[in-house]
C-alpha cells in the first residue's frame, strides 16, 4: 500500500471521528472542535473517553488551557500525539504541563481485496451488538481488562445503547463468545474513505488461540461488506505483530500522554 497524503488525512479523520462520535451526540458531554484542536470531555473518570489531539499549530498557553479543563474537574484524559500540523515541540509542552507519556502506538493500514480468507476458531461465535444484552456483554469484556474503570465504561457505553444498536450507525460493535461466555470484542468506525478498527480485546484466559486475529478479520469483513477498501487501526508495540501477520502496513508512529 502506498502511503499518500490522502491516506494520512483519512486515517486522522477516522481517529478524530471515533474519539468524539458518541460525545458529539450527547447533551451532557462537551466537545471543542476547531481548526487547532479537538477536545473531548465526556466527564467520565477514564481517559478512554476524554481525549485531546491537535488539528493545527497551538501555543503553550493553549496547551495549559486544555490541561486545566480536565484538572479543574479532576478528570483523567489522554492527549494523542502524531497528528498532522501539530507543533514540533508539542511533547515538550505537554511535559512542561505535567503530562507523561503513557504508551506508544503505531498507526497501520491495509488494503482489502475483493474477498477475505480466514478461519474463525471452531468454538468461537461472533455476534453483532444489536440489543442491550449483547451491549452489556461487550462492556463486560472491556471491564474485565480494566476493572477499576468499570462504572465509567458501563455508564458511557450503556448510555449510548440507542446509537450503537441502530441499524445505520457509523459504528458497529461485535462480541465473541466461547461456550456462551463473552470473551472478546471488536468495533468498526466508518468515515467517508476508510473503516477504523478498534477495541480488539480478548480475555486473558483465551489469548494465544487466534481470537484477536478472528475479531480483526470480522471487522475487516464488515468493512468489505459495506464497500470499503481500506481499514486503519492503531496498535501497541506488542500487538503490531498480530496485525503485520494479517497484512497491515505501518503508516506512522503515534503516542499518548496522560495527566
C-alpha atoms as a PDB file:
ATOM      1  CA  UNK A   1       0.000   0.000   0.000  1.00  0.00           C
ATOM      2  CA  UNK A   2       1.324   3.419  -0.944  1.00  0.00           C
ATOM      3  CA  UNK A   3       1.394   5.911   1.919  1.00  0.00           C
ATOM      4  CA  UNK A   4      -0.147   9.073   0.469  1.00  0.00           C
ATOM      5  CA  UNK A   5      -1.267  12.383   1.994  1.00  0.00           C
ATOM      6  CA  UNK A   6      -4.860  11.288   1.363  1.00  0.00           C
ATOM      7  CA  UNK A   7      -4.354   8.077   3.333  1.00  0.00           C
ATOM      8  CA  UNK A   8      -2.848  10.005   6.240  1.00  0.00           C
ATOM      9  CA  UNK A   9      -5.706  12.511   6.195  1.00  0.00           C
ATOM     10  CA  UNK A  10      -8.303   9.730   6.082  1.00  0.00           C
ATOM     11  CA  UNK A  11      -6.614   7.914   8.955  1.00  0.00           C
ATOM     12  CA  UNK A  12      -6.572  11.037  11.121  1.00  0.00           C
ATOM     13  CA  UNK A  13     -10.168  11.930  10.264  1.00  0.00           C
ATOM     14  CA  UNK A  14     -11.273   8.443  11.262  1.00  0.00           C
ATOM     15  CA  UNK A  15      -9.445   8.611  14.594  1.00  0.00           C
ATOM     16  CA  UNK A  16     -10.857  12.031  15.419  1.00  0.00           C
ATOM     17  CA  UNK A  17     -14.314  10.853  14.404  1.00  0.00           C
ATOM     18  CA  UNK A  18     -14.161   7.828  16.697  1.00  0.00           C
ATOM     19  CA  UNK A  19     -12.734   9.887  19.577  1.00  0.00           C
ATOM     20  CA  UNK A  20     -15.729  12.243  19.505  1.00  0.00           C
ATOM     21  CA  UNK A  21     -18.567  10.243  17.928  1.00  0.00           C
ATOM     22  CA  UNK A  22     -20.697   9.490  20.975  1.00  0.00           C
ATOM     23  CA  UNK A  23     -19.764  12.664  22.803  1.00  0.00           C
ATOM     24  CA  UNK A  24     -20.946  14.901  19.955  1.00  0.00           C
ATOM     25  CA  UNK A  25     -24.333  13.199  20.101  1.00  0.00           C
ATOM     26  CA  UNK A  26     -24.656  13.613  23.856  1.00  0.00           C
ATOM     27  CA  UNK A  27     -26.401  16.514  25.542  1.00  0.00           C
ATOM     28  CA  UNK A  28     -24.253  16.247  28.672  1.00  0.00           C
ATOM     29  CA  UNK A  29     -20.763  15.809  27.203  1.00  0.00           C
ATOM     30  CA  UNK A  30     -18.659  18.597  25.719  1.00  0.00           C
ATOM     31  CA  UNK A  31     -16.611  18.689  22.521  1.00  0.00           C
ATOM     32  CA  UNK A  32     -14.462  21.557  21.296  1.00  0.00           C
ATOM     33  CA  UNK A  33     -13.680  21.066  17.612  1.00  0.00           C
ATOM     34  CA  UNK A  34     -11.935  23.950  15.876  1.00  0.00           C
ATOM     35  CA  UNK A  35      -9.135  24.483  13.369  1.00  0.00           C
ATOM     36  CA  UNK A  36      -6.440  23.881  16.000  1.00  0.00           C
ATOM     37  CA  UNK A  37      -7.790  21.336  18.465  1.00  0.00           C
ATOM     38  CA  UNK A  38     -10.208  18.535  19.180  1.00  0.00           C
ATOM     39  CA  UNK A  39     -11.004  18.455  22.897  1.00  0.00           C
ATOM     40  CA  UNK A  40     -13.389  15.706  24.000  1.00  0.00           C
ATOM     41  CA  UNK A  41     -14.734  15.817  27.550  1.00  0.00           C
ATOM     42  CA  UNK A  42     -17.189  13.072  28.468  1.00  0.00           C
ATOM     43  CA  UNK A  43     -16.960  13.967  32.186  1.00  0.00           C
ATOM     44  CA  UNK A  44     -16.126  10.284  32.777  1.00  0.00           C
ATOM     45  CA  UNK A  45     -13.488   9.027  35.181  1.00  0.00           C
ATOM     46  CA  UNK A  46     -11.462   7.365  32.452  1.00  0.00           C
ATOM     47  CA  UNK A  47      -9.101   8.664  29.785  1.00  0.00           C
ATOM     48  CA  UNK A  48     -10.734   6.292  27.284  1.00  0.00           C
ATOM     49  CA  UNK A  49     -13.413   8.910  26.599  1.00  0.00           C
ATOM     50  CA  UNK A  50     -11.630  12.176  27.477  1.00  0.00           C
ATOM     51  CA  UNK A  51      -9.297  12.759  24.561  1.00  0.00           C
ATOM     52  CA  UNK A  52      -7.356  15.628  23.001  1.00  0.00           C
ATOM     53  CA  UNK A  53      -5.477  15.882  19.717  1.00  0.00           C
ATOM     54  CA  UNK A  54      -4.208  18.699  17.536  1.00  0.00           C
ATOM     55  CA  UNK A  55      -5.631  19.731  14.193  1.00  0.00           C
ATOM     56  CA  UNK A  56      -3.115  22.514  13.640  1.00  0.00           C
ATOM     57  CA  UNK A  57      -0.469  24.600  15.413  1.00  0.00           C
ATOM     58  CA  UNK A  58      -1.105  25.567  19.035  1.00  0.00           C
ATOM     59  CA  UNK A  59       0.705  27.586  21.670  1.00  0.00           C
ATOM     60  CA  UNK A  60       1.920  26.756  25.162  1.00  0.00           C
ATOM     61  CA  UNK A  61      -0.929  28.749  26.680  1.00  0.00           C
ATOM     62  CA  UNK A  62      -3.468  26.766  24.650  1.00  0.00           C
ATOM     63  CA  UNK A  63      -1.947  23.527  25.935  1.00  0.00           C
ATOM     64  CA  UNK A  64      -2.235  24.757  29.506  1.00  0.00           C
ATOM     65  CA  UNK A  65      -5.811  25.923  28.984  1.00  0.00           C
ATOM     66  CA  UNK A  66      -6.793  22.448  27.781  1.00  0.00           C
ATOM     67  CA  UNK A  67      -4.972  20.727  30.620  1.00  0.00           C
ATOM     68  CA  UNK A  68      -6.777  22.991  33.088  1.00  0.00           C
ATOM     69  CA  UNK A  69     -10.192  21.951  31.719  1.00  0.00           C
ATOM     70  CA  UNK A  70      -9.636  18.413  32.927  1.00  0.00           C
ATOM     71  CA  UNK A  71      -7.713  19.242  36.081  1.00  0.00           C
ATOM     72  CA  UNK A  72     -10.445  21.563  37.289  1.00  0.00           C
ATOM     73  CA  UNK A  73     -12.852  18.634  37.053  1.00  0.00           C
ATOM     74  CA  UNK A  74     -10.325  16.129  38.460  1.00  0.00           C
ATOM     75  CA  UNK A  75     -10.746  14.130  35.259  1.00  0.00           C
ATOM     76  CA  UNK A  76      -8.212  11.825  33.623  1.00  0.00           C
ATOM     77  CA  UNK A  77      -7.569  12.431  29.931  1.00  0.00           C
ATOM     78  CA  UNK A  78      -5.338  11.289  27.083  1.00  0.00           C
ATOM     79  CA  UNK A  79      -3.573  13.611  24.631  1.00  0.00           C
ATOM     80  CA  UNK A  80      -2.768  11.814  21.392  1.00  0.00           C
ATOM     81  CA  UNK A  81       0.390  12.961  19.624  1.00  0.00           C
ATOM     82  CA  UNK A  82       1.275  12.344  15.998  1.00  0.00           C
ATOM     83  CA  UNK A  83      -1.321  14.339  14.065  1.00  0.00           C
ATOM     84  CA  UNK A  84      -0.502  16.487  11.062  1.00  0.00           C
ATOM     85  CA  UNK A  85       0.001  20.176  11.798  1.00  0.00           C
ATOM     86  CA  UNK A  86       0.827  19.849  15.477  1.00  0.00           C
ATOM     87  CA  UNK A  87       3.890  21.843  16.643  1.00  0.00           C
ATOM     88  CA  UNK A  88       7.261  20.094  16.653  1.00  0.00           C
ATOM     89  CA  UNK A  89       7.673  20.867  20.357  1.00  0.00           C
ATOM     90  CA  UNK A  90       4.253  19.531  21.384  1.00  0.00           C
ATOM     91  CA  UNK A  91       5.640  16.742  23.565  1.00  0.00           C
ATOM     92  CA  UNK A  92       7.901  19.221  25.345  1.00  0.00           C
ATOM     93  CA  UNK A  93       4.909  21.495  26.042  1.00  0.00           C
ATOM     94  CA  UNK A  94       2.882  18.561  27.335  1.00  0.00           C
ATOM     95  CA  UNK A  95       5.695  17.518  29.665  1.00  0.00           C
ATOM     96  CA  UNK A  96       6.075  21.082  30.905  1.00  0.00           C
ATOM     97  CA  UNK A  97       2.367  20.966  31.800  1.00  0.00           C
ATOM     98  CA  UNK A  98       2.935  17.836  33.862  1.00  0.00           C
ATOM     99  CA  UNK A  99       1.776  15.169  31.410  1.00  0.00           C
ATOM    100  CA  UNK A 100       3.656  11.905  30.998  1.00  0.00           C
ATOM    101  CA  UNK A 101       3.939   9.519  28.073  1.00  0.00           C
ATOM    102  CA  UNK A 102       1.641   6.584  28.720  1.00  0.00           C
ATOM    103  CA  UNK A 103       2.062   4.451  25.620  1.00  0.00           C
ATOM    104  CA  UNK A 104       3.356   4.346  22.092  1.00  0.00           C
ATOM    105  CA  UNK A 105       1.027   3.449  19.251  1.00  0.00           C
ATOM    106  CA  UNK A 106       1.631   2.580  15.626  1.00  0.00           C
ATOM    107  CA  UNK A 107      -0.886   3.693  13.006  1.00  0.00           C
ATOM    108  CA  UNK A 108      -1.404   0.925  10.459  1.00  0.00           C
ATOM    109  CA  UNK A 109      -3.493   0.309   7.348  1.00  0.00           C
ATOM    110  CA  UNK A 110      -4.456  -2.496   4.996  1.00  0.00           C
ATOM    111  CA  UNK A 111      -5.977  -2.507   1.532  1.00  0.00           C
ATOM    112  CA  UNK A 112      -8.788  -5.055   1.386  1.00  0.00           C
ATOM    113  CA  UNK A 113      -9.081  -7.479  -1.500  1.00  0.00           C
ATOM    114  CA  UNK A 114     -12.409  -8.455  -3.001  1.00  0.00           C
ATOM    115  CA  UNK A 115     -12.580 -11.418  -0.609  1.00  0.00           C
ATOM    116  CA  UNK A 116     -11.018 -12.346   2.715  1.00  0.00           C
ATOM    117  CA  UNK A 117      -9.750 -15.799   3.562  1.00  0.00           C
ATOM    118  CA  UNK A 118      -9.681 -16.548   7.273  1.00  0.00           C
ATOM    119  CA  UNK A 119     -10.838 -19.226   9.659  1.00  0.00           C
ATOM    120  CA  UNK A 120     -12.725 -18.471  12.853  1.00  0.00           C
ATOM    121  CA  UNK A 121     -11.812 -20.859  15.685  1.00  0.00           C
ATOM    122  CA  UNK A 122     -14.386 -23.644  15.732  1.00  0.00           C
ATOM    123  CA  UNK A 123     -15.729 -22.856  19.202  1.00  0.00           C
ATOM    124  CA  UNK A 124     -15.871 -19.067  18.722  1.00  0.00           C
ATOM    125  CA  UNK A 125     -19.248 -17.477  17.950  1.00  0.00           C
ATOM    126  CA  UNK A 126     -19.244 -13.800  16.933  1.00  0.00           C
ATOM    127  CA  UNK A 127     -22.376 -11.666  17.234  1.00  0.00           C
ATOM    128  CA  UNK A 128     -23.024  -8.073  16.242  1.00  0.00           C
ATOM    129  CA  UNK A 129     -24.273  -5.851  19.050  1.00  0.00           C
ATOM    130  CA  UNK A 130     -27.936  -5.199  18.275  1.00  0.00           C
ATOM    131  CA  UNK A 131     -29.553  -5.169  21.719  1.00  0.00           C
ATOM    132  CA  UNK A 132     -28.953  -4.196  25.323  1.00  0.00           C
ATOM    133  CA  UNK A 133     -27.900  -7.682  26.467  1.00  0.00           C
ATOM    134  CA  UNK A 134     -25.204  -8.022  23.811  1.00  0.00           C
ATOM    135  CA  UNK A 135     -24.020  -4.499  24.569  1.00  0.00           C
ATOM    136  CA  UNK A 136     -23.695  -5.472  28.225  1.00  0.00           C
ATOM    137  CA  UNK A 137     -21.538  -8.398  27.149  1.00  0.00           C
ATOM    138  CA  UNK A 138     -19.387  -6.058  25.049  1.00  0.00           C
ATOM    139  CA  UNK A 139     -18.849  -3.901  28.115  1.00  0.00           C
ATOM    140  CA  UNK A 140     -18.213  -6.929  30.305  1.00  0.00           C
ATOM    141  CA  UNK A 141     -15.215  -7.983  28.213  1.00  0.00           C
ATOM    142  CA  UNK A 142     -13.693  -4.490  28.322  1.00  0.00           C
ATOM    143  CA  UNK A 143     -14.192  -4.050  32.057  1.00  0.00           C
ATOM    144  CA  UNK A 144     -12.588  -7.426  32.731  1.00  0.00           C
ATOM    145  CA  UNK A 145      -9.391  -5.869  31.380  1.00  0.00           C
ATOM    146  CA  UNK A 146      -9.907  -2.501  33.129  1.00  0.00           C
ATOM    147  CA  UNK A 147     -11.923  -3.351  36.263  1.00  0.00           C
ATOM    148  CA  UNK A 148     -11.032  -0.156  38.135  1.00  0.00           C
ATOM    149  CA  UNK A 149     -12.873   1.896  35.464  1.00  0.00           C
ATOM    150  CA  UNK A 150     -15.933  -0.345  35.324  1.00  0.00           C
ATOM    151  CA  UNK A 151     -18.510   2.251  36.373  1.00  0.00           C
ATOM    152  CA  UNK A 152     -17.287   4.860  33.875  1.00  0.00           C
ATOM    153  CA  UNK A 153     -17.137   2.375  30.994  1.00  0.00           C
ATOM    154  CA  UNK A 154     -20.552   0.909  31.752  1.00  0.00           C
ATOM    155  CA  UNK A 155     -22.182   4.325  32.037  1.00  0.00           C
ATOM    156  CA  UNK A 156     -20.630   5.504  28.774  1.00  0.00           C
ATOM    157  CA  UNK A 157     -21.470   2.540  26.543  1.00  0.00           C
ATOM    158  CA  UNK A 158     -24.822   1.617  28.049  1.00  0.00           C
ATOM    159  CA  UNK A 159     -25.824   5.266  27.812  1.00  0.00           C
ATOM    160  CA  UNK A 160     -25.062   5.070  24.084  1.00  0.00           C
ATOM    161  CA  UNK A 161     -27.253   1.985  23.530  1.00  0.00           C
ATOM    162  CA  UNK A 162     -29.661   3.758  21.183  1.00  0.00           C
ATOM    163  CA  UNK A 163     -26.792   4.853  18.918  1.00  0.00           C
ATOM    164  CA  UNK A 164     -24.822   1.586  18.931  1.00  0.00           C
ATOM    165  CA  UNK A 165     -27.839  -0.643  18.294  1.00  0.00           C
ATOM    166  CA  UNK A 166     -29.202   1.499  15.472  1.00  0.00           C
ATOM    167  CA  UNK A 167     -29.135  -0.193  12.050  1.00  0.00           C
ATOM    168  CA  UNK A 168     -27.434   2.689  10.252  1.00  0.00           C
ATOM    169  CA  UNK A 169     -24.976   3.843  12.918  1.00  0.00           C
ATOM    170  CA  UNK A 170     -21.464   4.840  11.871  1.00  0.00           C
ATOM    171  CA  UNK A 171     -20.122   2.341  14.384  1.00  0.00           C
ATOM    172  CA  UNK A 172     -20.635  -1.408  14.665  1.00  0.00           C
ATOM    173  CA  UNK A 173     -19.630  -3.457  17.697  1.00  0.00           C
ATOM    174  CA  UNK A 174     -19.105  -7.217  17.905  1.00  0.00           C
ATOM    175  CA  UNK A 175     -18.755  -9.735  20.736  1.00  0.00           C
ATOM    176  CA  UNK A 176     -17.054 -13.122  20.559  1.00  0.00           C
ATOM    177  CA  UNK A 177     -18.367 -15.989  22.687  1.00  0.00           C
ATOM    178  CA  UNK A 178     -16.977 -19.359  23.738  1.00  0.00           C
ATOM    179  CA  UNK A 179     -19.489 -21.684  25.399  1.00  0.00           C
ATOM    180  CA  UNK A 180     -21.925 -18.733  25.602  1.00  0.00           C
ATOM    181  CA  UNK A 181     -19.398 -16.707  27.619  1.00  0.00           C
ATOM    182  CA  UNK A 182     -18.373 -13.290  26.180  1.00  0.00           C
ATOM    183  CA  UNK A 183     -14.591 -13.333  25.792  1.00  0.00           C
ATOM    184  CA  UNK A 184     -13.675 -10.899  23.002  1.00  0.00           C
ATOM    185  CA  UNK A 185     -14.704  -7.684  21.250  1.00  0.00           C
ATOM    186  CA  UNK A 186     -14.069  -5.540  18.211  1.00  0.00           C
ATOM    187  CA  UNK A 187     -15.664  -2.456  16.711  1.00  0.00           C
ATOM    188  CA  UNK A 188     -15.597  -0.724  13.335  1.00  0.00           C
ATOM    189  CA  UNK A 189     -15.995   3.009  12.835  1.00  0.00           C
ATOM    190  CA  UNK A 190     -16.872   4.216   9.351  1.00  0.00           C
ATOM    191  CA  UNK A 191     -15.912   7.540   7.818  1.00  0.00           C
ATOM    192  CA  UNK A 192     -16.075   8.641   4.194  1.00  0.00           C
ATOM    193  CA  UNK A 193     -12.912   6.946   2.950  1.00  0.00           C
ATOM    194  CA  UNK A 194     -11.755   4.351   5.483  1.00  0.00           C
ATOM    195  CA  UNK A 195     -13.035   1.991   8.148  1.00  0.00           C
ATOM    196  CA  UNK A 196     -11.270   2.169  11.506  1.00  0.00           C
ATOM    197  CA  UNK A 197     -10.875  -0.970  13.613  1.00  0.00           C
ATOM    198  CA  UNK A 198     -10.975  -0.512  17.388  1.00  0.00           C
ATOM    199  CA  UNK A 199     -11.478  -2.423  20.640  1.00  0.00           C
ATOM    200  CA  UNK A 200      -9.723  -5.644  19.633  1.00  0.00           C
ATOM    201  CA  UNK A 201      -9.810  -7.330  23.031  1.00  0.00           C
ATOM    202  CA  UNK A 202      -9.596 -10.937  24.176  1.00  0.00           C
ATOM    203  CA  UNK A 203      -9.946 -12.123  27.757  1.00  0.00           C
ATOM    204  CA  UNK A 204      -6.525 -13.112  29.145  1.00  0.00           C
ATOM    205  CA  UNK A 205      -7.507 -16.787  29.538  1.00  0.00           C
ATOM    206  CA  UNK A 206      -8.246 -17.036  25.817  1.00  0.00           C
ATOM    207  CA  UNK A 207      -5.207 -15.325  24.347  1.00  0.00           C
ATOM    208  CA  UNK A 208      -2.916 -17.210  22.004  1.00  0.00           C
ATOM    209  CA  UNK A 209      -5.863 -19.027  20.417  1.00  0.00           C
ATOM    210  CA  UNK A 210      -6.293 -16.832  17.342  1.00  0.00           C
ATOM    211  CA  UNK A 211      -9.169 -14.901  18.911  1.00  0.00           C
ATOM    212  CA  UNK A 212      -7.685 -11.456  18.226  1.00  0.00           C
ATOM    213  CA  UNK A 213      -6.997 -12.379  14.609  1.00  0.00           C
ATOM    214  CA  UNK A 214     -10.566 -13.664  14.198  1.00  0.00           C
ATOM    215  CA  UNK A 215     -12.053 -10.467  15.644  1.00  0.00           C
ATOM    216  CA  UNK A 216      -9.826  -8.337  13.390  1.00  0.00           C
ATOM    217  CA  UNK A 217     -10.872 -10.297  10.314  1.00  0.00           C
ATOM    218  CA  UNK A 218     -14.520  -9.980  11.376  1.00  0.00           C
ATOM    219  CA  UNK A 219     -14.110  -6.189  11.447  1.00  0.00           C
ATOM    220  CA  UNK A 220     -12.377  -6.250   8.055  1.00  0.00           C
ATOM    221  CA  UNK A 221     -15.149  -8.364   6.552  1.00  0.00           C
ATOM    222  CA  UNK A 222     -17.788  -5.999   7.941  1.00  0.00           C
ATOM    223  CA  UNK A 223     -15.991  -3.100   6.248  1.00  0.00           C
ATOM    224  CA  UNK A 224     -15.668  -5.011   2.992  1.00  0.00           C
ATOM    225  CA  UNK A 225     -19.380  -5.822   3.056  1.00  0.00           C
ATOM    226  CA  UNK A 226     -20.082  -2.084   3.207  1.00  0.00           C
ATOM    227  CA  UNK A 227     -17.894  -1.430   0.182  1.00  0.00           C
ATOM    228  CA  UNK A 228     -14.775  -0.178   1.978  1.00  0.00           C
ATOM    229  CA  UNK A 229     -11.368  -0.993   0.559  1.00  0.00           C
ATOM    230  CA  UNK A 230      -9.084   0.361   3.302  1.00  0.00           C
ATOM    231  CA  UNK A 231      -9.038  -0.385   7.038  1.00  0.00           C
ATOM    232  CA  UNK A 232      -6.932   1.520   9.562  1.00  0.00           C
ATOM    233  CA  UNK A 233      -6.089   0.994  13.225  1.00  0.00           C
ATOM    234  CA  UNK A 234      -3.571   1.858  15.912  1.00  0.00           C
ATOM    235  CA  UNK A 235      -1.579  -0.851  17.640  1.00  0.00           C
ATOM    236  CA  UNK A 236       0.625  -1.107  20.687  1.00  0.00           C
ATOM    237  CA  UNK A 237       4.136  -2.444  20.234  1.00  0.00           C
ATOM    238  CA  UNK A 238       3.028  -5.860  21.496  1.00  0.00           C
ATOM    239  CA  UNK A 239       0.024  -6.075  19.177  1.00  0.00           C
ATOM    240  CA  UNK A 240       1.627  -4.816  15.961  1.00  0.00           C
ATOM    241  CA  UNK A 241       2.985  -8.273  15.107  1.00  0.00           C
ATOM    242  CA  UNK A 242      -0.544  -9.705  15.025  1.00  0.00           C
ATOM    243  CA  UNK A 243      -1.625  -7.046  12.539  1.00  0.00           C
ATOM    244  CA  UNK A 244       1.531  -7.344  10.439  1.00  0.00           C
ATOM    245  CA  UNK A 245       0.844 -11.077  10.122  1.00  0.00           C
ATOM    246  CA  UNK A 246      -2.636 -10.274   8.837  1.00  0.00           C
ATOM    247  CA  UNK A 247      -1.178  -7.844   6.301  1.00  0.00           C
ATOM    248  CA  UNK A 248      -1.407  -4.411   7.907  1.00  0.00           C
ATOM    249  CA  UNK A 249       1.336  -1.963   6.977  1.00  0.00           C
ATOM    250  CA  UNK A 250       2.894   0.561   9.355  1.00  0.00           C
ATOM    251  CA  UNK A 251       1.946   4.134   8.488  1.00  0.00           C
ATOM    252  CA  UNK A 252       3.411   6.297  11.238  1.00  0.00           C
ATOM    253  CA  UNK A 253       4.197   6.298  14.963  1.00  0.00           C
ATOM    254  CA  UNK A 254       1.922   7.967  17.486  1.00  0.00           C
ATOM    255  CA  UNK A 255       1.944   8.218  21.252  1.00  0.00           C
ATOM    256  CA  UNK A 256      -0.350   9.053  24.140  1.00  0.00           C
ATOM    257  CA  UNK A 257       0.262  11.432  27.056  1.00  0.00           C
ATOM    258  CA  UNK A 258      -1.817  11.365  30.232  1.00  0.00           C
ATOM    259  CA  UNK A 259      -2.135  13.510  33.345  1.00  0.00           C
END
